[in-house]
Amino acid sequence: MLPTTAPLRVRTVVITKEGTIGLERPALMPMKTKRLVTEMVPVERVVTENVRRPDGKVGQVSRTVKTMVAQYKEVETTAYVPLWSTERKPVPVKACKFFVVTKDGKLEALDVEKATARLKKKTVVLTGDTTEVDPRRLELIKPGTLYLIVSPSPPPAPPREQPDAGKKGS
């Protein structure tokens, strides 16, 4: 009973100049993290034991034993963390397809002129990669909401530089 399509993204859009819209998205900042990783490494060692032979005498027998030993090492990784700010990416109107959510919970195509007229002010829209949206997702959306497909999808925002840990904001 779970939706089968990708979730809808909520973005803010405004016409920035003729033929271009500003698509806002969360700003990302790279954060380096260190974590401890456990690796199991095989170790061989020679064990010598005293063994009683069938003739009753005791003799020493050597054998090789393999055991697994845990080794710990620190690994540094980079994760991109969303900030509480947004970045505005300029997108040509020609690269966009506009739709509106109907009362029936379906997407209906919208003329570019009507859509750009609605985007004169900062407007919250839904964005996605395709018009194939699970109807259960659209049932929850207010009729008249704009749905925007940008083709090709804009590349992810360039990561911001990590602020110096030693510097304090002034």
C-alpha atoms as a PDB file:
ATOM      1  CA  MET A   1       0.000   0.000   0.000  1.00  0.00           C
ATOM      2  CA  LEU A   2       3.025   2.296  -0.046  1.00  0.00           C
ATOM      3  CA  PRO A   3       3.436   4.751  -2.947  1.00  0.00           C
ATOM      4  CA  THR A   4       5.365   3.308  -5.874  1.00  0.00           C
ATOM      5  CA  THR A   5       6.773   6.556  -7.272  1.00  0.00           C
ATOM      6  CA  ALA A   6       9.423   8.955  -6.037  1.00  0.00           C
ATOM      7  CA  PRO A   7       8.285  11.528  -3.466  1.00  0.00           C
ATOM      8  CA  LEU A   8       7.410  15.028  -4.606  1.00  0.00           C
ATOM      9  CA  ARG A   9       9.875  17.778  -3.773  1.00  0.00           C
ATOM     10  CA  VAL A  10       8.651  21.141  -2.516  1.00  0.00           C
ATOM     11  CA  ARG A  11      10.578  24.094  -3.952  1.00  0.00           C
ATOM     12  CA  THR A  12      10.194  27.848  -4.153  1.00  0.00           C
ATOM     13  CA  VAL A  13      10.203  29.366  -7.643  1.00  0.00           C
ATOM     14  CA  VAL A  14      10.111  32.946  -8.948  1.00  0.00           C
ATOM     15  CA  ILE A  15      10.647  34.534 -12.363  1.00  0.00           C
ATOM     16  CA  THR A  16      14.107  36.126 -12.133  1.00  0.00           C
ATOM     17  CA  LYS A  17      14.334  37.630 -15.621  1.00  0.00           C
ATOM     18  CA  GLU A  18      12.663  37.127 -18.965  1.00  0.00           C
ATOM     19  CA  GLY A  19      12.776  33.458 -19.920  1.00  0.00           C
ATOM     20  CA  THR A  20      14.414  32.318 -16.680  1.00  0.00           C
ATOM     21  CA  ILE A  21      13.020  31.088 -13.385  1.00  0.00           C
ATOM     22  CA  GLY A  22      14.893  30.894 -10.112  1.00  0.00           C
ATOM     23  CA  LEU A  23      14.528  27.434  -8.596  1.00  0.00           C
ATOM     24  CA  GLU A  24      15.450  27.456  -4.916  1.00  0.00           C
ATOM     25  CA  ARG A  25      16.828  24.370  -3.263  1.00  0.00           C
ATOM     26  CA  PRO A  26      18.575  23.568   0.012  1.00  0.00           C
ATOM     27  CA  ALA A  27      22.231  24.535   0.182  1.00  0.00           C
ATOM     28  CA  LEU A  28      24.623  21.680   0.908  1.00  0.00           C
ATOM     29  CA  MET A  29      27.831  21.823   2.902  1.00  0.00           C
ATOM     30  CA  PRO A  30      30.451  19.069   2.960  1.00  0.00           C
ATOM     31  CA  MET A  31      31.132  17.718   6.425  1.00  0.00           C
ATOM     32  CA  LYS A  32      34.125  15.455   6.977  1.00  0.00           C
ATOM     33  CA  THR A  33      33.494  12.759   9.534  1.00  0.00           C
ATOM     34  CA  LYS A  34      35.723  10.111  11.008  1.00  0.00           C
ATOM     35  CA  ARG A  35      34.426   6.756  12.071  1.00  0.00           C
ATOM     36  CA  LEU A  36      35.950   3.616  13.452  1.00  0.00           C
ATOM     37  CA  VAL A  37      35.709   0.574  11.160  1.00  0.00           C
ATOM     38  CA  THR A  38      36.217  -2.992  12.339  1.00  0.00           C
ATOM     39  CA  GLU A  39      37.844  -5.476   9.980  1.00  0.00           C
ATOM     40  CA  MET A  40      38.259  -9.150  10.720  1.00  0.00           C
ATOM     41  CA  VAL A  41      41.730 -10.241   9.575  1.00  0.00           C
ATOM     42  CA  PRO A  42      42.893 -13.886   9.401  1.00  0.00           C
ATOM     43  CA  VAL A  43      46.004 -14.620  11.482  1.00  0.00           C
ATOM     44  CA  GLU A  44      47.990 -17.858  11.357  1.00  0.00           C
ATOM     45  CA  ARG A  45      50.069 -19.122  14.270  1.00  0.00           C
ATOM     46  CA  VAL A  46      51.912 -22.326  15.063  1.00  0.00           C
ATOM     47  CA  VAL A  47      50.785 -24.236  18.159  1.00  0.00           C
ATOM     48  CA  THR A  48      52.918 -26.974  19.762  1.00  0.00           C
ATOM     49  CA  GLU A  49      51.136 -29.499  21.976  1.00  0.00           C
ATOM     50  CA  ASN A  50      52.170 -32.537  23.980  1.00  0.00           C
ATOM     51  CA  VAL A  51      50.262 -35.566  22.670  1.00  0.00           C
ATOM     52  CA  ARG A  52      50.244 -39.134  23.976  1.00  0.00           C
ATOM     53  CA  ARG A  53      51.085 -41.556  21.187  1.00  0.00           C
ATOM     54  CA  PRO A  54      49.540 -45.035  20.751  1.00  0.00           C
ATOM     55  CA  ASP A  55      52.696 -46.608  22.183  1.00  0.00           C
ATOM     56  CA  GLY A  56      52.157 -44.620  25.429  1.00  0.00           C
ATOM     57  CA  LYS A  57      55.007 -42.143  25.000  1.00  0.00           C
ATOM     58  CA  VAL A  58      54.408 -38.382  25.013  1.00  0.00           C
ATOM     59  CA  GLY A  59      55.614 -36.383  22.016  1.00  0.00           C
ATOM     60  CA  GLN A  60      55.317 -32.840  20.760  1.00  0.00           C
ATOM     61  CA  VAL A  61      53.170 -32.092  17.720  1.00  0.00           C
ATOM     62  CA  SER A  62      53.082 -28.756  15.920  1.00  0.00           C
ATOM     63  CA  ARG A  63      50.118 -27.534  13.877  1.00  0.00           C
ATOM     64  CA  THR A  64      49.066 -24.283  12.224  1.00  0.00           C
ATOM     65  CA  VAL A  65      45.928 -22.620  13.576  1.00  0.00           C
ATOM     66  CA  LYS A  66      44.004 -19.885  11.740  1.00  0.00           C
ATOM     67  CA  THR A  67      42.023 -17.415  13.796  1.00  0.00           C
ATOM     68  CA  MET A  68      40.191 -14.201  12.962  1.00  0.00           C
ATOM     69  CA  VAL A  69      41.342 -11.080  14.799  1.00  0.00           C
ATOM     70  CA  ALA A  70      39.506  -7.762  14.850  1.00  0.00           C
ATOM     71  CA  GLN A  71      41.472  -4.770  13.617  1.00  0.00           C
ATOM     72  CA  TYR A  72      40.200  -1.245  14.090  1.00  0.00           C
ATOM     73  CA  LYS A  73      41.005   1.620  11.775  1.00  0.00           C
ATOM     74  CA  GLU A  74      39.753   5.165  11.436  1.00  0.00           C
ATOM     75  CA  VAL A  75      38.160   6.095   8.094  1.00  0.00           C
ATOM     76  CA  GLU A  76      37.417   9.664   6.976  1.00  0.00           C
ATOM     77  CA  THR A  77      34.323  10.203   4.822  1.00  0.00           C
ATOM     78  CA  THR A  78      32.574  13.275   3.419  1.00  0.00           C
ATOM     79  CA  ALA A  79      28.821  13.713   3.728  1.00  0.00           C
ATOM     80  CA  TYR A  80      26.809  16.603   2.279  1.00  0.00           C
ATOM     81  CA  VAL A  81      24.599  18.107   4.955  1.00  0.00           C
ATOM     82  CA  PRO A  82      21.718  20.450   4.069  1.00  0.00           C
ATOM     83  CA  LEU A  83      21.965  23.882   5.638  1.00  0.00           C
ATOM     84  CA  TRP A  84      19.086  26.054   6.826  1.00  0.00           C
ATOM     85  CA  SER A  85      19.580  28.305   3.820  1.00  0.00           C
ATOM     86  CA  THR A  86      18.672  27.954   0.160  1.00  0.00           C
ATOM     87  CA  GLU A  87      20.403  28.605  -3.134  1.00  0.00           C
ATOM     88  CA  ARG A  88      18.694  29.922  -6.242  1.00  0.00           C
ATOM     89  CA  LYS A  89      19.506  28.080  -9.468  1.00  0.00           C
ATOM     90  CA  PRO A  90      18.548  29.857 -12.719  1.00  0.00           C
ATOM     91  CA  VAL A  91      16.616  27.530 -15.048  1.00  0.00           C
ATOM     92  CA  PRO A  92      15.399  28.460 -18.548  1.00  0.00           C
ATOM     93  CA  VAL A  93      11.604  28.362 -18.910  1.00  0.00           C
ATOM     94  CA  LYS A  94      12.082  26.364 -22.139  1.00  0.00           C
ATOM     95  CA  ALA A  95      13.527  23.504 -20.066  1.00  0.00           C
ATOM     96  CA  CYS A  96      10.408  23.321 -17.863  1.00  0.00           C
ATOM     97  CA  LYS A  97       7.069  21.583 -18.240  1.00  0.00           C
ATOM     98  CA  PHE A  98       4.243  22.980 -16.121  1.00  0.00           C
ATOM     99  CA  PHE A  99       1.273  21.093 -14.733  1.00  0.00           C
ATOM    100  CA  VAL A 100      -1.472  21.876 -12.253  1.00  0.00           C
ATOM    101  CA  VAL A 101      -3.031  19.483  -9.723  1.00  0.00           C
ATOM    102  CA  THR A 102      -6.755  19.000 -10.437  1.00  0.00           C
ATOM    103  CA  LYS A 103      -9.623  18.344  -8.024  1.00  0.00           C
ATOM    104  CA  ASP A 104      -9.480  14.680  -9.036  1.00  0.00           C
ATOM    105  CA  GLY A 105      -5.880  14.420  -7.850  1.00  0.00           C
ATOM    106  CA  LYS A 106      -4.394  14.261 -11.356  1.00  0.00           C
ATOM    107  CA  LEU A 107      -1.896  16.374 -13.259  1.00  0.00           C
ATOM    108  CA  GLU A 108      -3.142  18.586 -16.084  1.00  0.00           C
ATOM    109  CA  ALA A 109      -0.789  20.362 -18.517  1.00  0.00           C
ATOM    110  CA  LEU A 110      -0.583  24.157 -18.143  1.00  0.00           C
ATOM    111  CA  ASP A 111       0.435  26.768 -20.737  1.00  0.00           C
ATOM    112  CA  VAL A 112       3.800  28.396 -20.226  1.00  0.00           C
ATOM    113  CA  GLU A 113       2.229  31.890 -20.274  1.00  0.00           C
ATOM    114  CA  LYS A 114      -0.285  31.019 -17.520  1.00  0.00           C
ATOM    115  CA  ALA A 115       2.398  29.348 -15.432  1.00  0.00           C
ATOM    116  CA  THR A 116       4.880  32.224 -15.721  1.00  0.00           C
ATOM    117  CA  ALA A 117       2.110  34.680 -14.821  1.00  0.00           C
ATOM    118  CA  ARG A 118       1.596  32.757 -11.559  1.00  0.00           C
ATOM    119  CA  LEU A 119       5.339  32.822 -10.877  1.00  0.00           C
ATOM    120  CA  LYS A 120       5.751  36.626 -10.870  1.00  0.00           C
ATOM    121  CA  LYS A 121       5.789  36.407  -7.063  1.00  0.00           C
ATOM    122  CA  LYS A 122       7.697  33.829  -5.062  1.00  0.00           C
ATOM    123  CA  THR A 123       5.571  30.670  -5.293  1.00  0.00           C
ATOM    124  CA  VAL A 124       5.822  27.244  -3.695  1.00  0.00           C
ATOM    125  CA  VAL A 125       5.601  24.480  -6.302  1.00  0.00           C
ATOM    126  CA  LEU A 126       6.013  20.725  -6.427  1.00  0.00           C
ATOM    127  CA  THR A 127       8.810  19.321  -8.544  1.00  0.00           C
ATOM    128  CA  GLY A 128       9.517  15.875  -9.871  1.00  0.00           C
ATOM    129  CA  ASP A 129      11.237  14.016 -12.673  1.00  0.00           C
ATOM    130  CA  THR A 130       8.151  12.655 -14.435  1.00  0.00           C
ATOM    131  CA  THR A 131       4.367  13.030 -14.702  1.00  0.00           C
ATOM    132  CA  GLU A 132       3.959   9.525 -13.331  1.00  0.00           C
ATOM    133  CA  VAL A 133       3.020  10.386  -9.756  1.00  0.00           C
ATOM    134  CA  ASP A 134       1.214   8.014  -7.433  1.00  0.00           C
ATOM    135  CA  PRO A 135      -2.407   9.263  -7.173  1.00  0.00           C
ATOM    136  CA  ARG A 136      -2.320   8.781  -3.396  1.00  0.00           C
ATOM    137  CA  ARG A 137       0.360  11.462  -3.186  1.00  0.00           C
ATOM    138  CA  LEU A 138      -1.689  13.917  -5.250  1.00  0.00           C
ATOM    139  CA  GLU A 139      -4.858  13.327  -3.202  1.00  0.00           C
ATOM    140  CA  LEU A 140      -3.199  15.185  -0.328  1.00  0.00           C
ATOM    141  CA  ILE A 141      -2.281  18.222  -2.460  1.00  0.00           C
ATOM    142  CA  LYS A 142      -4.485  21.289  -2.727  1.00  0.00           C
ATOM    143  CA  PRO A 143      -6.078  21.612  -6.197  1.00  0.00           C
ATOM    144  CA  GLY A 144      -4.456  24.349  -8.278  1.00  0.00           C
ATOM    145  CA  THR A 145      -0.937  23.675  -6.994  1.00  0.00           C
ATOM    146  CA  LEU A 146       1.727  23.948  -9.692  1.00  0.00           C
ATOM    147  CA  TYR A 147       3.838  20.909 -10.550  1.00  0.00           C
ATOM    148  CA  LEU A 148       7.107  21.526 -12.371  1.00  0.00           C
ATOM    149  CA  ILE A 149       9.324  19.149 -14.338  1.00  0.00           C
ATOM    150  CA  VAL A 150      12.779  20.447 -15.209  1.00  0.00           C
ATOM    151  CA  SER A 151      14.467  18.534 -18.031  1.00  0.00           C
ATOM    152  CA  PRO A 152      17.211  17.734 -17.675  1.00  0.00           C
ATOM    153  CA  SER A 153      17.133  17.841 -13.902  1.00  0.00           C
ATOM    154  CA  PRO A 154      19.357  20.572 -12.501  1.00  0.00           C
ATOM    155  CA  PRO A 155      22.649  19.250 -11.153  1.00  0.00           C
ATOM    156  CA  PRO A 156      23.061  19.177  -7.375  1.00  0.00           C
ATOM    157  CA  ALA A 157      24.053  22.442  -5.767  1.00  0.00           C
ATOM    158  CA  PRO A 158      27.791  22.964  -5.509  1.00  0.00           C
ATOM    159  CA  PRO A 159      28.883  22.309  -1.938  1.00  0.00           C
ATOM    160  CA  ARG A 160      29.764  25.262   0.226  1.00  0.00           C
ATOM    161  CA  GLU A 161      33.091  25.527   1.951  1.00  0.00           C
ATOM    162  CA  GLN A 162      33.106  24.278   5.505  1.00  0.00           C
ATOM    163  CA  PRO A 163      33.549  27.156   7.953  1.00  0.00           C
ATOM    164  CA  ASP A 164      36.757  27.110   9.964  1.00  0.00           C
ATOM    165  CA  ALA A 165      36.195  25.491  13.338  1.00  0.00           C
ATOM    166  CA  GLY A 166      38.545  27.941  15.054  1.00  0.00           C
ATOM    167  CA  LYS A 167      36.893  31.102  13.751  1.00  0.00           C
ATOM    168  CA  LYS A 168      33.828  32.524  15.426  1.00  0.00           C
ATOM    169  CA  GLY A 169      31.226  34.622  13.576  1.00  0.00           C
ATOM    170  CA  SER A 170      31.541  38.338  14.201  1.00  0.00           C
END
